[in-house]
Amino acid sequence: MKRNRFVASLAVAATLAVAFAIAPLGAQGRGGAPAPVIPPEGPAKGPIPRLPNGKPDFSGTFDHPRVGDITKAANGCVGGTAGCASATDTTEISFTPAGAAEQKKEPKFDYGLYCLPWGYVRSYQTPYPHGYMHNNDQLMVLWEQDNFFHAVPITGKPLAKNADLEPTWMGTSAGRWEGDTLIIDTGGFNAKTWVDTAEHVFSEDLRVVERMSYIDKDHIRYEITMTDPKYWTKPIKNTRIFTRMTTPLLEYSCEENNKEIREGFYLENNPLKKK
């Protein structure tokens, strides 16, 4: 079965219809449009998949909203499924002097055009779905974008300080349970990526905390809080709905030697564009 991610996501952009008991979250969206509403964290409606240890089992393929800018709300699923959304409590990032200076630097190197990893936060916001493989001890996150993956040990042990972690593109994670909510703490980023496609920068001090819980068996409530005391004066929080898909992740290939990209035909402002 063929799927056109971009066409499908546009087709469902206005079809968010989540029939849950909902509570407002965040302010209005940009341009005066109502922001999405996300159910509060709480007990799931009806039975949900569970692991042998009794905890929720998040295994499966899930559609997510396309979040190109973490300061803007979003409706619709990238893979054509109904029900995805993203609400934000941050309509404008408050930068420290160091962060503002870094944000103003131009031109920015678009690492994604060269098949480098999109980074942990941005991978959850791509134009393609993601999936999970889950057991008692570990959650594996699988992204269709660039076919990247990330391992989250669920041991209950706290994550080390950033200074004690080896800097990587996707960071290092530690998971623990709080009731039926999985909490993931991630740090140790190399700061070579952005938090979104809008090119919002972060430093090696970035710390990410995610809270995952079921709304019902086919919808995950996903809350992400990001802090970066070096570049931001305040935390940034997005709350989203992921929807279970009946189709698998597709094969993805990023061609590092793509001349359309490397020789500057892809973007008018590409610094590599031939004169």
C-alpha atoms as a PDB file:
ATOM      1  CA  MET A   1       0.000   0.000   0.000  1.00  0.00           C
ATOM      2  CA  LYS A   2       1.488   3.297  -1.090  1.00  0.00           C
ATOM      3  CA  ARG A   3       1.451   6.287   1.201  1.00  0.00           C
ATOM      4  CA  ASN A   4       2.111   9.881   0.240  1.00  0.00           C
ATOM      5  CA  ARG A   5       3.167  11.387   3.556  1.00  0.00           C
ATOM      6  CA  PHE A   6       2.953  15.054   2.537  1.00  0.00           C
ATOM      7  CA  VAL A   7      -0.352  14.899   0.665  1.00  0.00           C
ATOM      8  CA  ALA A   8      -1.930  12.805   3.372  1.00  0.00           C
ATOM      9  CA  SER A   9      -0.814  15.095   6.178  1.00  0.00           C
ATOM     10  CA  LEU A  10      -2.288  18.103   4.393  1.00  0.00           C
ATOM     11  CA  ALA A  11      -5.551  16.254   3.839  1.00  0.00           C
ATOM     12  CA  VAL A  12      -6.043  15.613   7.539  1.00  0.00           C
ATOM     13  CA  ALA A  13      -4.685  18.921   8.826  1.00  0.00           C
ATOM     14  CA  ALA A  14      -8.193  20.117   9.656  1.00  0.00           C
ATOM     15  CA  THR A  15      -9.681  16.778  10.764  1.00  0.00           C
ATOM     16  CA  LEU A  16      -8.543  16.589  14.361  1.00  0.00           C
ATOM     17  CA  ALA A  17     -11.426  14.963  16.178  1.00  0.00           C
ATOM     18  CA  VAL A  18     -10.352  13.402  19.428  1.00  0.00           C
ATOM     19  CA  ALA A  19     -13.403  12.224  21.305  1.00  0.00           C
ATOM     20  CA  PHE A  20     -11.950  12.396  24.789  1.00  0.00           C
ATOM     21  CA  ALA A  21     -12.678  14.405  27.899  1.00  0.00           C
ATOM     22  CA  ILE A  22     -10.326  17.295  27.148  1.00  0.00           C
ATOM     23  CA  ALA A  23      -8.854  20.237  28.981  1.00  0.00           C
ATOM     24  CA  PRO A  24      -7.343  23.405  27.485  1.00  0.00           C
ATOM     25  CA  LEU A  25      -3.570  23.552  27.363  1.00  0.00           C
ATOM     26  CA  GLY A  26      -1.506  26.606  26.460  1.00  0.00           C
ATOM     27  CA  ALA A  27      -2.534  29.798  24.787  1.00  0.00           C
ATOM     28  CA  GLN A  28      -4.183  30.429  21.446  1.00  0.00           C
ATOM     29  CA  GLY A  29      -2.352  29.432  18.301  1.00  0.00           C
ATOM     30  CA  ARG A  30      -0.652  31.924  16.039  1.00  0.00           C
ATOM     31  CA  GLY A  31      -2.923  34.223  14.050  1.00  0.00           C
ATOM     32  CA  GLY A  32      -5.738  33.944  16.603  1.00  0.00           C
ATOM     33  CA  ALA A  33      -6.620  30.356  15.637  1.00  0.00           C
ATOM     34  CA  PRO A  34      -7.637  28.142  18.569  1.00  0.00           C
ATOM     35  CA  ALA A  35      -4.793  26.057  19.946  1.00  0.00           C
ATOM     36  CA  PRO A  36      -5.262  22.271  20.036  1.00  0.00           C
ATOM     37  CA  VAL A  37      -6.619  20.855  23.272  1.00  0.00           C
ATOM     38  CA  ILE A  38      -4.926  17.822  24.780  1.00  0.00           C
ATOM     39  CA  PRO A  39      -6.465  15.513  27.394  1.00  0.00           C
ATOM     40  CA  PRO A  40      -4.893  15.825  30.845  1.00  0.00           C
ATOM     41  CA  GLU A  41      -2.682  13.019  32.059  1.00  0.00           C
ATOM     42  CA  GLY A  42      -4.758  10.400  33.796  1.00  0.00           C
ATOM     43  CA  PRO A  43      -6.084   6.834  33.626  1.00  0.00           C
ATOM     44  CA  ALA A  44      -6.530   5.454  30.117  1.00  0.00           C
ATOM     45  CA  LYS A  45     -10.010   4.946  28.746  1.00  0.00           C
ATOM     46  CA  GLY A  46     -10.616   1.233  28.416  1.00  0.00           C
ATOM     47  CA  PRO A  47      -8.074  -1.592  28.272  1.00  0.00           C
ATOM     48  CA  ILE A  48      -4.591  -0.869  26.911  1.00  0.00           C
ATOM     49  CA  PRO A  49      -1.701  -3.122  25.833  1.00  0.00           C
ATOM     50  CA  ARG A  50       0.470  -4.159  28.767  1.00  0.00           C
ATOM     51  CA  LEU A  51       3.910  -5.692  29.251  1.00  0.00           C
ATOM     52  CA  PRO A  52       4.501  -8.907  31.220  1.00  0.00           C
ATOM     53  CA  ASN A  53       5.330  -6.729  34.253  1.00  0.00           C
ATOM     54  CA  GLY A  54       1.920  -5.043  34.014  1.00  0.00           C
ATOM     55  CA  LYS A  55       3.160  -1.672  32.762  1.00  0.00           C
ATOM     56  CA  PRO A  56       1.788  -0.117  29.535  1.00  0.00           C
ATOM     57  CA  ASP A  57       3.253  -1.538  26.333  1.00  0.00           C
ATOM     58  CA  PHE A  58       3.874   1.203  23.756  1.00  0.00           C
ATOM     59  CA  SER A  59       4.922  -1.191  20.991  1.00  0.00           C
ATOM     60  CA  GLY A  60       3.595  -0.310  17.557  1.00  0.00           C
ATOM     61  CA  THR A  61       3.729   2.280  14.793  1.00  0.00           C
ATOM     62  CA  PHE A  62       2.464   5.751  15.626  1.00  0.00           C
ATOM     63  CA  ASP A  63       1.622   8.824  13.611  1.00  0.00           C
ATOM     64  CA  HIS A  64       2.633  12.191  15.016  1.00  0.00           C
ATOM     65  CA  PRO A  65       2.020  15.850  14.205  1.00  0.00           C
ATOM     66  CA  ARG A  66       4.462  17.758  12.000  1.00  0.00           C
ATOM     67  CA  VAL A  67       6.026  20.301  14.356  1.00  0.00           C
ATOM     68  CA  GLY A  68       8.242  22.514  12.227  1.00  0.00           C
ATOM     69  CA  ASP A  69       8.345  25.182  14.929  1.00  0.00           C
ATOM     70  CA  ILE A  70       8.088  24.313  18.626  1.00  0.00           C
ATOM     71  CA  THR A  71       6.579  27.743  19.349  1.00  0.00           C
ATOM     72  CA  LYS A  72       3.520  27.006  17.166  1.00  0.00           C
ATOM     73  CA  ALA A  73       0.585  24.666  17.607  1.00  0.00           C
ATOM     74  CA  ALA A  74      -0.078  21.939  15.043  1.00  0.00           C
ATOM     75  CA  ASN A  75      -3.011  19.745  14.004  1.00  0.00           C
ATOM     76  CA  GLY A  76      -3.027  16.653  11.825  1.00  0.00           C
ATOM     77  CA  CYS A  77      -0.903  13.521  11.410  1.00  0.00           C
ATOM     78  CA  VAL A  78       2.020  13.302   8.997  1.00  0.00           C
ATOM     79  CA  GLY A  79       1.106   9.811   7.774  1.00  0.00           C
ATOM     80  CA  GLY A  80      -2.561  10.420   7.058  1.00  0.00           C
ATOM     81  CA  THR A  81      -4.040   9.036  10.287  1.00  0.00           C
ATOM     82  CA  ALA A  82      -6.573  11.167  12.157  1.00  0.00           C
ATOM     83  CA  GLY A  83      -6.204  12.590  15.648  1.00  0.00           C
ATOM     84  CA  CYS A  84      -2.667  13.982  16.039  1.00  0.00           C
ATOM     85  CA  ALA A  85      -2.037  17.383  17.601  1.00  0.00           C
ATOM     86  CA  SER A  86       0.622  19.477  19.299  1.00  0.00           C
ATOM     87  CA  ALA A  87       0.046  22.295  21.778  1.00  0.00           C
ATOM     88  CA  THR A  88       2.759  24.587  23.095  1.00  0.00           C
ATOM     89  CA  ASP A  89       3.081  26.732  26.192  1.00  0.00           C
ATOM     90  CA  THR A  90       5.901  28.733  24.568  1.00  0.00           C
ATOM     91  CA  THR A  91       4.937  31.122  21.759  1.00  0.00           C
ATOM     92  CA  GLU A  92       8.369  32.755  21.733  1.00  0.00           C
ATOM     93  CA  ILE A  93      11.681  31.423  23.015  1.00  0.00           C
ATOM     94  CA  SER A  94      13.356  33.604  25.626  1.00  0.00           C
ATOM     95  CA  PHE A  95      17.074  33.486  24.884  1.00  0.00           C
ATOM     96  CA  THR A  96      19.964  34.293  27.172  1.00  0.00           C
ATOM     97  CA  PRO A  97      22.561  36.704  25.686  1.00  0.00           C
ATOM     98  CA  ALA A  98      24.653  33.690  24.630  1.00  0.00           C
ATOM     99  CA  GLY A  99      21.629  31.993  23.076  1.00  0.00           C
ATOM    100  CA  ALA A 100      20.533  35.137  21.243  1.00  0.00           C
ATOM    101  CA  ALA A 101      24.006  35.571  19.781  1.00  0.00           C
ATOM    102  CA  GLU A 102      24.049  31.967  18.572  1.00  0.00           C
ATOM    103  CA  GLN A 103      20.539  32.230  17.136  1.00  0.00           C
ATOM    104  CA  LYS A 104      21.492  35.300  15.085  1.00  0.00           C
ATOM    105  CA  LYS A 105      24.447  33.637  13.396  1.00  0.00           C
ATOM    106  CA  GLU A 106      24.009  33.258   9.620  1.00  0.00           C
ATOM    107  CA  PRO A 107      24.081  31.292   7.480  1.00  0.00           C
ATOM    108  CA  LYS A 108      23.177  28.200   9.472  1.00  0.00           C
ATOM    109  CA  PHE A 109      24.475  24.845   8.287  1.00  0.00           C
ATOM    110  CA  ASP A 110      21.511  22.611   7.474  1.00  0.00           C
ATOM    111  CA  TYR A 111      22.916  19.297   8.607  1.00  0.00           C
ATOM    112  CA  GLY A 112      19.752  17.464   7.531  1.00  0.00           C
ATOM    113  CA  LEU A 113      20.453  18.179   3.872  1.00  0.00           C
ATOM    114  CA  TYR A 114      23.692  16.236   4.252  1.00  0.00           C
ATOM    115  CA  CYS A 115      22.075  13.152   5.783  1.00  0.00           C
ATOM    116  CA  LEU A 116      23.398  13.865   9.267  1.00  0.00           C
ATOM    117  CA  PRO A 117      21.165  12.840  12.211  1.00  0.00           C
ATOM    118  CA  TRP A 118      18.200  15.116  12.821  1.00  0.00           C
ATOM    119  CA  GLY A 119      18.711  14.928  16.580  1.00  0.00           C
ATOM    120  CA  TYR A 120      16.494  13.507  19.305  1.00  0.00           C
ATOM    121  CA  VAL A 121      13.932  16.299  19.685  1.00  0.00           C
ATOM    122  CA  ARG A 122      13.602  17.149  15.996  1.00  0.00           C
ATOM    123  CA  SER A 123      13.229  13.488  14.995  1.00  0.00           C
ATOM    124  CA  TYR A 124       9.870  13.390  16.811  1.00  0.00           C
ATOM    125  CA  GLN A 125       8.707  16.331  14.664  1.00  0.00           C
ATOM    126  CA  THR A 126       9.621  15.086  11.173  1.00  0.00           C
ATOM    127  CA  PRO A 127       7.236  14.628   8.221  1.00  0.00           C
ATOM    128  CA  TYR A 128       7.293  10.840   8.786  1.00  0.00           C
ATOM    129  CA  PRO A 129       5.861   8.530  11.480  1.00  0.00           C
ATOM    130  CA  HIS A 130       7.743   6.689  14.202  1.00  0.00           C
ATOM    131  CA  GLY A 131       7.381   3.461  16.156  1.00  0.00           C
ATOM    132  CA  TYR A 132       8.267   1.692  19.399  1.00  0.00           C
ATOM    133  CA  MET A 133       9.536  -1.749  20.386  1.00  0.00           C
ATOM    134  CA  HIS A 134       8.985  -2.233  24.096  1.00  0.00           C
ATOM    135  CA  ASN A 135       9.776  -4.811  26.765  1.00  0.00           C
ATOM    136  CA  ASN A 136      10.103  -4.758  30.559  1.00  0.00           C
ATOM    137  CA  ASP A 137      13.611  -3.320  30.490  1.00  0.00           C
ATOM    138  CA  GLN A 138      13.858  -1.124  27.418  1.00  0.00           C
ATOM    139  CA  LEU A 139      11.983   1.093  24.971  1.00  0.00           C
ATOM    140  CA  MET A 140      13.356   1.297  21.435  1.00  0.00           C
ATOM    141  CA  VAL A 141      12.266   4.336  19.432  1.00  0.00           C
ATOM    142  CA  LEU A 142      12.276   3.857  15.657  1.00  0.00           C
ATOM    143  CA  TRP A 143      11.986   6.820  13.301  1.00  0.00           C
ATOM    144  CA  GLU A 144      11.146   6.441   9.633  1.00  0.00           C
ATOM    145  CA  GLN A 145      13.119   9.631   8.954  1.00  0.00           C
ATOM    146  CA  ASP A 146      16.637   8.458   8.091  1.00  0.00           C
ATOM    147  CA  ASN A 147      15.779   5.073   9.702  1.00  0.00           C
ATOM    148  CA  PHE A 148      17.250   6.230  13.024  1.00  0.00           C
ATOM    149  CA  PHE A 149      16.675   4.507  16.354  1.00  0.00           C
ATOM    150  CA  HIS A 150      17.249   5.282  20.026  1.00  0.00           C
ATOM    151  CA  ALA A 151      17.430   2.988  23.064  1.00  0.00           C
ATOM    152  CA  VAL A 152      15.842   3.979  26.385  1.00  0.00           C
ATOM    153  CA  PRO A 153      16.818   1.691  29.299  1.00  0.00           C
ATOM    154  CA  ILE A 154      14.024   1.490  31.865  1.00  0.00           C
ATOM    155  CA  THR A 155      15.912   0.821  35.067  1.00  0.00           C
ATOM    156  CA  GLY A 156      14.622   3.562  37.332  1.00  0.00           C
ATOM    157  CA  LYS A 157      18.158   4.876  37.799  1.00  0.00           C
ATOM    158  CA  PRO A 158      18.628   8.652  37.430  1.00  0.00           C
ATOM    159  CA  LEU A 159      20.482   9.958  34.392  1.00  0.00           C
ATOM    160  CA  ALA A 160      24.006  11.245  34.971  1.00  0.00           C
ATOM    161  CA  LYS A 161      24.855  14.930  34.656  1.00  0.00           C
ATOM    162  CA  ASN A 162      25.482  16.166  31.109  1.00  0.00           C
ATOM    163  CA  ALA A 163      29.156  16.703  31.895  1.00  0.00           C
ATOM    164  CA  ASP A 164      29.485  12.985  32.681  1.00  0.00           C
ATOM    165  CA  LEU A 165      27.783  11.840  29.449  1.00  0.00           C
ATOM    166  CA  GLU A 166      29.491  11.369  26.106  1.00  0.00           C
ATOM    167  CA  PRO A 167      28.087  14.021  23.705  1.00  0.00           C
ATOM    168  CA  THR A 168      26.099  12.411  20.883  1.00  0.00           C
ATOM    169  CA  TRP A 169      23.580  13.449  18.220  1.00  0.00           C
ATOM    170  CA  MET A 170      20.670  11.668  19.920  1.00  0.00           C
ATOM    171  CA  GLY A 171      21.777  11.954  23.543  1.00  0.00           C
ATOM    172  CA  THR A 172      21.591   9.372  26.319  1.00  0.00           C
ATOM    173  CA  SER A 173      18.309   8.441  27.998  1.00  0.00           C
ATOM    174  CA  ALA A 174      17.092   6.873  31.219  1.00  0.00           C
ATOM    175  CA  GLY A 175      13.516   5.722  31.805  1.00  0.00           C
ATOM    176  CA  ARG A 176      11.391   5.166  34.889  1.00  0.00           C
ATOM    177  CA  TRP A 177       7.726   4.596  35.679  1.00  0.00           C
ATOM    178  CA  GLU A 178       5.379   6.825  37.599  1.00  0.00           C
ATOM    179  CA  GLY A 179       2.213   4.755  37.738  1.00  0.00           C
ATOM    180  CA  ASP A 180       1.250   4.127  34.101  1.00  0.00           C
ATOM    181  CA  THR A 181       3.314   7.080  32.855  1.00  0.00           C
ATOM    182  CA  LEU A 182       6.753   6.424  31.385  1.00  0.00           C
ATOM    183  CA  ILE A 183       9.175   9.254  32.171  1.00  0.00           C
ATOM    184  CA  ILE A 184      12.281   9.595  29.997  1.00  0.00           C
ATOM    185  CA  ASP A 185      15.161  11.892  30.937  1.00  0.00           C
ATOM    186  CA  THR A 186      17.647  12.607  28.129  1.00  0.00           C
ATOM    187  CA  GLY A 187      20.870  14.624  28.047  1.00  0.00           C
ATOM    188  CA  GLY A 188      24.417  14.509  26.703  1.00  0.00           C
ATOM    189  CA  PHE A 189      23.698  16.160  23.350  1.00  0.00           C
ATOM    190  CA  ASN A 190      26.474  17.372  21.058  1.00  0.00           C
ATOM    191  CA  ALA A 191      24.431  20.505  20.156  1.00  0.00           C
ATOM    192  CA  LYS A 192      25.071  20.061  16.418  1.00  0.00           C
ATOM    193  CA  THR A 193      21.357  19.934  15.626  1.00  0.00           C
ATOM    194  CA  TRP A 194      18.302  22.173  16.177  1.00  0.00           C
ATOM    195  CA  VAL A 195      15.199  21.521  18.240  1.00  0.00           C
ATOM    196  CA  ASP A 196      13.017  22.085  15.153  1.00  0.00           C
ATOM    197  CA  THR A 197      13.043  22.916  11.443  1.00  0.00           C
ATOM    198  CA  ALA A 198      12.675  26.604  12.334  1.00  0.00           C
ATOM    199  CA  GLU A 199      16.376  26.409  13.275  1.00  0.00           C
ATOM    200  CA  HIS A 200      15.981  27.149  16.983  1.00  0.00           C
ATOM    201  CA  VAL A 201      19.361  26.480  18.550  1.00  0.00           C
ATOM    202  CA  PHE A 202      20.300  24.797  21.817  1.00  0.00           C
ATOM    203  CA  SER A 203      23.531  24.158  23.691  1.00  0.00           C
ATOM    204  CA  GLU A 204      25.216  21.112  25.195  1.00  0.00           C
ATOM    205  CA  ASP A 205      23.338  21.966  28.424  1.00  0.00           C
ATOM    206  CA  LEU A 206      20.008  20.859  26.917  1.00  0.00           C
ATOM    207  CA  ARG A 207      18.018  18.466  29.059  1.00  0.00           C
ATOM    208  CA  VAL A 208      14.802  16.788  27.858  1.00  0.00           C
ATOM    209  CA  VAL A 209      12.085  15.183  29.975  1.00  0.00           C
ATOM    210  CA  GLU A 210       9.275  13.256  28.256  1.00  0.00           C
ATOM    211  CA  ARG A 211       6.102  11.855  29.809  1.00  0.00           C
ATOM    212  CA  MET A 212       4.269   9.151  27.851  1.00  0.00           C
ATOM    213  CA  SER A 213       0.903   7.681  28.793  1.00  0.00           C
ATOM    214  CA  TYR A 214      -2.064   6.133  27.000  1.00  0.00           C
ATOM    215  CA  ILE A 215      -5.238   8.151  26.407  1.00  0.00           C
ATOM    216  CA  ASP A 216      -6.803   4.973  25.083  1.00  0.00           C
ATOM    217  CA  LYS A 217      -5.333   1.922  23.346  1.00  0.00           C
ATOM    218  CA  ASP A 218      -4.745   3.829  20.090  1.00  0.00           C
ATOM    219  CA  HIS A 219      -3.638   7.265  21.335  1.00  0.00           C
ATOM    220  CA  ILE A 220      -0.594   8.312  23.341  1.00  0.00           C
ATOM    221  CA  ARG A 221      -0.361  11.522  25.311  1.00  0.00           C
ATOM    222  CA  TYR A 222       3.204  12.771  24.897  1.00  0.00           C
ATOM    223  CA  GLU A 223       4.580  15.701  26.896  1.00  0.00           C
ATOM    224  CA  ILE A 224       8.078  17.045  26.293  1.00  0.00           C
ATOM    225  CA  THR A 225       9.774  19.653  28.477  1.00  0.00           C
ATOM    226  CA  MET A 226      13.125  21.085  27.390  1.00  0.00           C
ATOM    227  CA  THR A 227      15.496  23.141  29.530  1.00  0.00           C
ATOM    228  CA  ASP A 228      18.750  24.789  28.491  1.00  0.00           C
ATOM    229  CA  PRO A 229      20.110  27.255  31.081  1.00  0.00           C
ATOM    230  CA  LYS A 230      22.958  28.283  28.782  1.00  0.00           C
ATOM    231  CA  TYR A 231      20.781  29.400  25.840  1.00  0.00           C
ATOM    232  CA  TRP A 232      17.213  29.766  27.221  1.00  0.00           C
ATOM    233  CA  THR A 233      15.896  31.621  30.239  1.00  0.00           C
ATOM    234  CA  LYS A 234      12.761  29.468  30.502  1.00  0.00           C
ATOM    235  CA  PRO A 235      11.817  25.838  29.816  1.00  0.00           C
ATOM    236  CA  ILE A 236       9.885  24.984  26.641  1.00  0.00           C
ATOM    237  CA  LYS A 237       6.998  22.516  26.764  1.00  0.00           C
ATOM    238  CA  ASN A 238       4.956  20.889  24.013  1.00  0.00           C
ATOM    239  CA  THR A 239       2.129  18.411  24.617  1.00  0.00           C
ATOM    240  CA  ARG A 240       1.070  16.125  21.773  1.00  0.00           C
ATOM    241  CA  ILE A 241      -1.184  13.283  20.731  1.00  0.00           C
ATOM    242  CA  PHE A 242       0.246  10.315  18.813  1.00  0.00           C
ATOM    243  CA  THR A 243      -2.176   8.013  16.947  1.00  0.00           C
ATOM    244  CA  ARG A 244      -1.615   4.301  16.338  1.00  0.00           C
ATOM    245  CA  MET A 245      -1.209   3.308  12.683  1.00  0.00           C
ATOM    246  CA  THR A 246      -2.207   0.077  10.957  1.00  0.00           C
ATOM    247  CA  THR A 247       0.624   0.339   8.410  1.00  0.00           C
ATOM    248  CA  PRO A 248       4.345  -0.182   9.109  1.00  0.00           C
ATOM    249  CA  LEU A 249       7.207   2.266   8.854  1.00  0.00           C
ATOM    250  CA  LEU A 250       8.560   2.577   5.323  1.00  0.00           C
ATOM    251  CA  GLU A 251      12.104   2.308   4.034  1.00  0.00           C
ATOM    252  CA  TYR A 252      13.898   5.651   3.917  1.00  0.00           C
ATOM    253  CA  SER A 253      17.129   6.617   2.201  1.00  0.00           C
ATOM    254  CA  CYS A 254      19.047   9.886   2.421  1.00  0.00           C
ATOM    255  CA  GLU A 255      21.628  10.212  -0.347  1.00  0.00           C
ATOM    256  CA  GLU A 256      24.712  12.002   0.930  1.00  0.00           C
ATOM    257  CA  ASN A 257      26.032  12.709  -2.581  1.00  0.00           C
ATOM    258  CA  ASN A 258      22.749  14.095  -3.927  1.00  0.00           C
ATOM    259  CA  LYS A 259      23.911  16.735  -6.413  1.00  0.00           C
ATOM    260  CA  GLU A 260      20.562  18.529  -6.278  1.00  0.00           C
ATOM    261  CA  ILE A 261      21.465  19.350  -2.682  1.00  0.00           C
ATOM    262  CA  ARG A 262      25.255  19.558  -2.774  1.00  0.00           C
ATOM    263  CA  GLU A 263      25.421  21.759  -5.861  1.00  0.00           C
ATOM    264  CA  GLY A 264      22.836  24.182  -4.608  1.00  0.00           C
ATOM    265  CA  PHE A 265      19.718  23.502  -6.637  1.00  0.00           C
ATOM    266  CA  TYR A 266      17.577  22.700  -3.620  1.00  0.00           C
ATOM    267  CA  LEU A 267      17.551  26.088  -1.903  1.00  0.00           C
ATOM    268  CA  GLU A 268      18.049  29.510  -3.404  1.00  0.00           C
ATOM    269  CA  ASN A 269      20.143  30.628  -0.415  1.00  0.00           C
ATOM    270  CA  ASN A 270      22.304  27.502  -0.382  1.00  0.00           C
ATOM    271  CA  PRO A 271      25.891  28.749   0.151  1.00  0.00           C
ATOM    272  CA  LEU A 272      27.116  25.912  -2.097  1.00  0.00           C
ATOM    273  CA  LYS A 273      24.984  27.038  -5.039  1.00  0.00           C
ATOM    274  CA  LYS A 274      27.090  27.327  -8.171  1.00  0.00           C
ATOM    275  CA  LYS A 275      27.504  30.831  -9.556  1.00  0.00           C
END
